[in-house]
Amino acid sequence: MPNVNVLDIKGNNVGSIDLPESLFGVEMKEHAVYEVVKNQLANKRQGTHSAKTRGEVRGGGKKPWRQKGTGRARQGSIRSPQWRGGGVVFAPKPRDYSYTVPKKVRRVALKTLLTSKVVEDEIIVLNELSLDSISTKNAKAILEAIKADKTVYIAVAEANENVYKSFRNIEGVEVVVVNNMNVYDLIRHNTLVITEAAVKKAEEVFA
């Protein structure tokens, strides 16, 4: 069972915690991560691309010249794909790129990333995370104190407006309620900051 230190918001070591092995000590399956990230990116696609085929381009109803006797290649329409202003061959049309990945695969991918955060020492556990008021300055001070640099993914047990609004203006930092953690956002951030309460809730939800 992985054991990590627990910090307060001032960066002081206030104890340690045994992280549940069912979440933070599993066999890592990178292909599951690949499948889930690919799925999330596909689901984000709007699919609104569109171009006109030769049948949809305005004009071109008249045959540009007679079939034979001109010495030129035969042409039926000036809106054929080879003409400037003509239609597009196999033109892209609006479509839905979304598809589903089994829940089991999504869970495996999330557990793989949580385990990798422990293995690569990219996880910071806080005893609690709360702010009396909305203050980006105080939020930055907390990140500096706990040495959470670069991009940070903060997982809390319950939604907290002061915490969310304090951290949201800091570039590369995202706050999420732990049961809304997802693979794509987790892999995008260098450091996972999670509270003790969020660890317990994650075990209830994902284990």
Protein backbone atom coordinates (compact mmCIF):
# COMPACT_ATOMS: atom_id res chain seq x y z
CA MET A 1 0.00 0.00 0.00
CA PRO A 2 1.63 3.32 -1.10
CA ASN A 3 2.43 5.65 1.77
CA VAL A 4 2.92 9.40 1.17
CA ASN A 5 3.37 12.43 3.39
CA VAL A 6 0.45 14.71 4.17
CA LEU A 7 1.00 18.49 4.00
CA ASP A 8 -0.98 21.47 5.20
CA ILE A 9 -1.56 24.53 2.99
CA LYS A 10 1.63 26.09 4.38
CA GLY A 11 3.72 23.20 3.17
CA ASN A 12 4.34 21.68 6.60
CA ASN A 13 4.45 17.90 7.00
CA VAL A 14 1.56 16.95 9.28
CA GLY A 15 1.66 13.16 8.95
CA SER A 16 1.30 10.45 6.35
CA ILE A 17 -1.42 8.48 4.63
CA ASP A 18 -1.70 4.99 3.20
CA LEU A 19 -3.21 5.41 -0.24
CA PRO A 20 -5.65 2.63 -1.24
CA GLU A 21 -3.82 0.08 -3.34
CA SER A 22 -6.95 -0.50 -5.41
CA LEU A 23 -6.49 3.02 -6.84
CA PHE A 24 -2.85 3.99 -6.40
CA GLY A 25 -1.08 0.64 -6.62
CA VAL A 26 -2.54 -1.20 -9.60
CA GLU A 27 -0.85 -2.82 -12.58
CA MET A 28 -0.44 -0.03 -15.12
CA LYS A 29 -2.11 -0.55 -18.49
CA GLU A 30 -1.01 2.18 -20.85
CA HIS A 31 -3.16 1.02 -23.75
CA ALA A 32 -6.30 1.65 -21.71
CA VAL A 33 -5.09 5.22 -21.15
CA TYR A 34 -4.54 5.61 -24.90
CA GLU A 35 -8.03 4.33 -25.70
CA VAL A 36 -9.74 6.63 -23.20
CA VAL A 37 -7.76 9.74 -24.20
CA LYS A 38 -8.53 9.04 -27.87
CA ASN A 39 -12.20 8.68 -26.97
CA GLN A 40 -12.32 11.92 -24.99
CA LEU A 41 -10.64 13.86 -27.79
CA ALA A 42 -13.03 12.35 -30.35
CA ASN A 43 -16.02 13.29 -28.20
CA LYS A 44 -14.77 16.90 -28.04
CA ARG A 45 -14.81 17.23 -31.84
CA GLN A 46 -17.67 19.39 -33.12
CA GLY A 47 -17.79 17.68 -36.50
CA THR A 48 -19.19 20.80 -38.20
CA HIS A 49 -16.77 20.70 -41.15
CA SER A 50 -18.41 20.89 -44.55
CA ALA A 51 -17.48 21.42 -48.20
CA LYS A 52 -19.53 21.30 -51.40
CA THR A 53 -19.47 18.48 -53.90
CA ARG A 54 -19.78 19.15 -57.64
CA GLY A 55 -23.54 18.73 -57.35
CA GLU A 56 -23.79 21.46 -54.70
CA VAL A 57 -21.57 24.16 -56.23
CA ARG A 58 -23.51 26.93 -57.94
CA GLY A 59 -23.34 26.98 -61.76
CA GLY A 60 -21.80 24.56 -64.22
CA GLY A 61 -25.06 23.47 -65.82
CA LYS A 62 -23.90 24.14 -69.35
CA LYS A 63 -21.38 21.92 -71.10
CA PRO A 64 -18.31 24.19 -71.62
CA TRP A 65 -17.63 22.96 -75.17
CA ARG A 66 -18.79 20.28 -77.50
CA GLN A 67 -17.76 16.68 -76.86
CA LYS A 68 -15.59 16.19 -79.98
CA GLY A 69 -13.57 18.17 -82.49
CA THR A 70 -12.02 20.88 -80.31
CA GLY A 71 -8.74 19.08 -79.58
CA ARG A 72 -9.32 19.60 -75.88
CA ALA A 73 -10.23 17.04 -73.24
CA ARG A 74 -13.93 16.33 -72.95
CA GLN A 75 -15.66 18.25 -70.17
CA GLY A 76 -19.22 18.09 -68.93
CA SER A 77 -19.22 20.89 -66.36
CA ILE A 78 -17.00 23.74 -65.19
CA ARG A 79 -17.86 22.71 -61.63
CA SER A 80 -16.07 19.36 -61.86
CA PRO A 81 -13.35 18.88 -59.21
CA GLN A 82 -10.47 19.57 -61.60
CA TRP A 83 -11.77 23.05 -62.40
CA ARG A 84 -11.02 26.13 -60.36
CA GLY A 85 -14.16 26.85 -58.37
CA GLY A 86 -15.33 23.30 -58.83
CA GLY A 87 -16.65 20.94 -56.19
CA VAL A 88 -14.57 18.86 -53.78
CA VAL A 89 -14.03 15.14 -54.31
CA PHE A 90 -15.38 13.19 -51.30
CA ALA A 91 -16.21 16.50 -49.58
CA PRO A 92 -16.27 16.38 -45.77
CA LYS A 93 -19.76 16.65 -44.30
CA PRO A 94 -21.01 17.30 -40.75
CA ARG A 95 -20.78 14.14 -38.66
CA ASP A 96 -20.73 12.94 -35.09
CA TYR A 97 -17.34 11.62 -33.97
CA SER A 98 -18.43 10.57 -30.49
CA TYR A 99 -18.42 6.95 -29.34
CA THR A 100 -18.37 5.16 -26.02
CA VAL A 101 -15.66 3.25 -24.21
CA PRO A 102 -16.64 0.60 -21.64
CA LYS A 103 -16.81 1.87 -18.06
CA LYS A 104 -14.38 -0.85 -16.99
CA VAL A 105 -11.74 0.44 -19.43
CA ARG A 106 -12.24 4.01 -18.23
CA ARG A 107 -11.73 2.89 -14.62
CA VAL A 108 -8.58 0.96 -15.51
CA ALA A 109 -7.17 4.00 -17.32
CA LEU A 110 -7.89 6.32 -14.38
CA LYS A 111 -6.32 3.92 -11.88
CA THR A 112 -3.27 3.54 -14.14
CA LEU A 113 -2.73 7.31 -14.13
CA LEU A 114 -3.28 7.61 -10.37
CA THR A 115 -0.71 4.86 -9.83
CA SER A 116 1.75 6.57 -12.20
CA LYS A 117 1.41 9.80 -10.20
CA VAL A 118 2.56 7.92 -7.09
CA VAL A 119 5.35 6.05 -8.91
CA GLU A 120 6.69 9.25 -10.47
CA ASP A 121 6.30 11.24 -7.22
CA GLU A 122 3.83 13.64 -8.82
CA ILE A 123 1.17 13.52 -6.11
CA ILE A 124 0.72 15.86 -3.14
CA VAL A 125 -1.79 15.04 -0.41
CA LEU A 126 -3.18 17.90 1.69
CA ASN A 127 -4.89 17.46 5.03
CA GLU A 128 -7.49 19.98 3.84
CA LEU A 129 -7.90 22.79 1.33
CA SER A 130 -10.07 25.73 2.24
CA LEU A 131 -9.98 29.51 1.84
CA ASP A 132 -11.89 32.11 3.84
CA SER A 133 -12.38 34.28 0.77
CA ILE A 134 -11.73 34.34 -2.95
CA SER A 135 -8.07 35.25 -3.39
CA THR A 136 -5.83 34.30 -6.30
CA LYS A 137 -2.87 35.67 -4.33
CA ASN A 138 -3.51 33.21 -1.49
CA ALA A 139 -4.01 30.39 -3.99
CA LYS A 140 -0.61 31.09 -5.55
CA ALA A 141 0.95 31.19 -2.08
CA ILE A 142 -0.45 27.72 -1.35
CA LEU A 143 0.98 26.28 -4.57
CA GLU A 144 4.38 27.79 -3.79
CA ALA A 145 4.32 26.48 -0.21
CA ILE A 146 3.56 22.90 -1.25
CA LYS A 147 5.98 23.17 -4.21
CA ALA A 148 3.34 22.34 -6.82
CA ASP A 149 4.90 23.87 -9.89
CA LYS A 150 4.04 23.75 -13.61
CA THR A 151 0.56 22.39 -14.29
CA VAL A 152 -1.56 21.29 -11.32
CA TYR A 153 -4.74 19.20 -11.10
CA ILE A 154 -6.47 19.79 -7.76
CA ALA A 155 -9.02 17.21 -6.60
CA VAL A 156 -11.31 18.08 -3.68
CA ALA A 157 -14.05 16.07 -1.98
CA GLU A 158 -16.79 18.69 -2.27
CA ALA A 159 -17.36 21.75 -4.45
CA ASN A 160 -16.02 24.90 -2.79
CA GLU A 161 -16.65 28.24 -4.50
CA ASN A 162 -13.79 30.06 -2.76
CA VAL A 163 -11.28 27.38 -3.74
CA TYR A 164 -12.57 27.10 -7.31
CA LYS A 165 -12.62 30.85 -8.00
CA SER A 166 -9.26 31.43 -6.30
CA PHE A 167 -7.41 28.91 -8.44
CA ARG A 168 -9.24 29.30 -11.76
CA ASN A 169 -7.26 32.38 -12.88
CA ILE A 170 -3.90 30.66 -12.43
CA GLU A 171 -2.62 29.33 -15.73
CA GLY A 172 -2.19 25.57 -15.84
CA VAL A 173 -4.24 24.94 -12.68
CA GLU A 174 -7.60 23.16 -12.61
CA VAL A 175 -9.85 22.35 -9.66
CA VAL A 176 -12.26 19.42 -9.84
CA VAL A 177 -14.51 17.48 -7.48
CA VAL A 178 -12.82 14.09 -7.17
CA ASN A 179 -15.67 12.04 -8.63
CA ASN A 180 -15.43 14.18 -11.80
CA MET A 181 -11.76 13.39 -12.41
CA ASN A 182 -11.09 12.29 -15.94
CA VAL A 183 -8.17 10.66 -17.71
CA TYR A 184 -7.49 13.39 -20.28
CA ASP A 185 -7.26 16.20 -17.71
CA LEU A 186 -5.20 14.05 -15.36
CA ILE A 187 -2.64 13.26 -18.04
CA ARG A 188 -2.40 16.93 -19.07
CA HIS A 189 -1.21 18.08 -15.65
CA ASN A 190 2.19 17.41 -14.11
CA THR A 191 1.09 17.32 -10.47
CA LEU A 192 -1.98 15.90 -8.74
CA VAL A 193 -2.94 17.70 -5.54
CA ILE A 194 -5.61 15.83 -3.60
CA THR A 195 -7.05 16.24 -0.13
CA GLU A 196 -7.35 13.43 2.41
CA ALA A 197 -11.14 13.63 2.20
CA ALA A 198 -10.94 13.38 -1.58
CA VAL A 199 -8.77 10.23 -1.31
CA LYS A 200 -11.46 8.57 0.81
CA LYS A 201 -14.21 9.66 -1.57
CA ALA A 202 -12.22 8.46 -4.59
CA GLU A 203 -11.93 5.03 -2.96
CA GLU A 204 -15.71 4.93 -2.50
CA VAL A 205 -16.43 6.03 -6.07
CA PHE A 206 -13.73 4.33 -8.18
CA ALA A 207 -12.36 1.37 -6.21
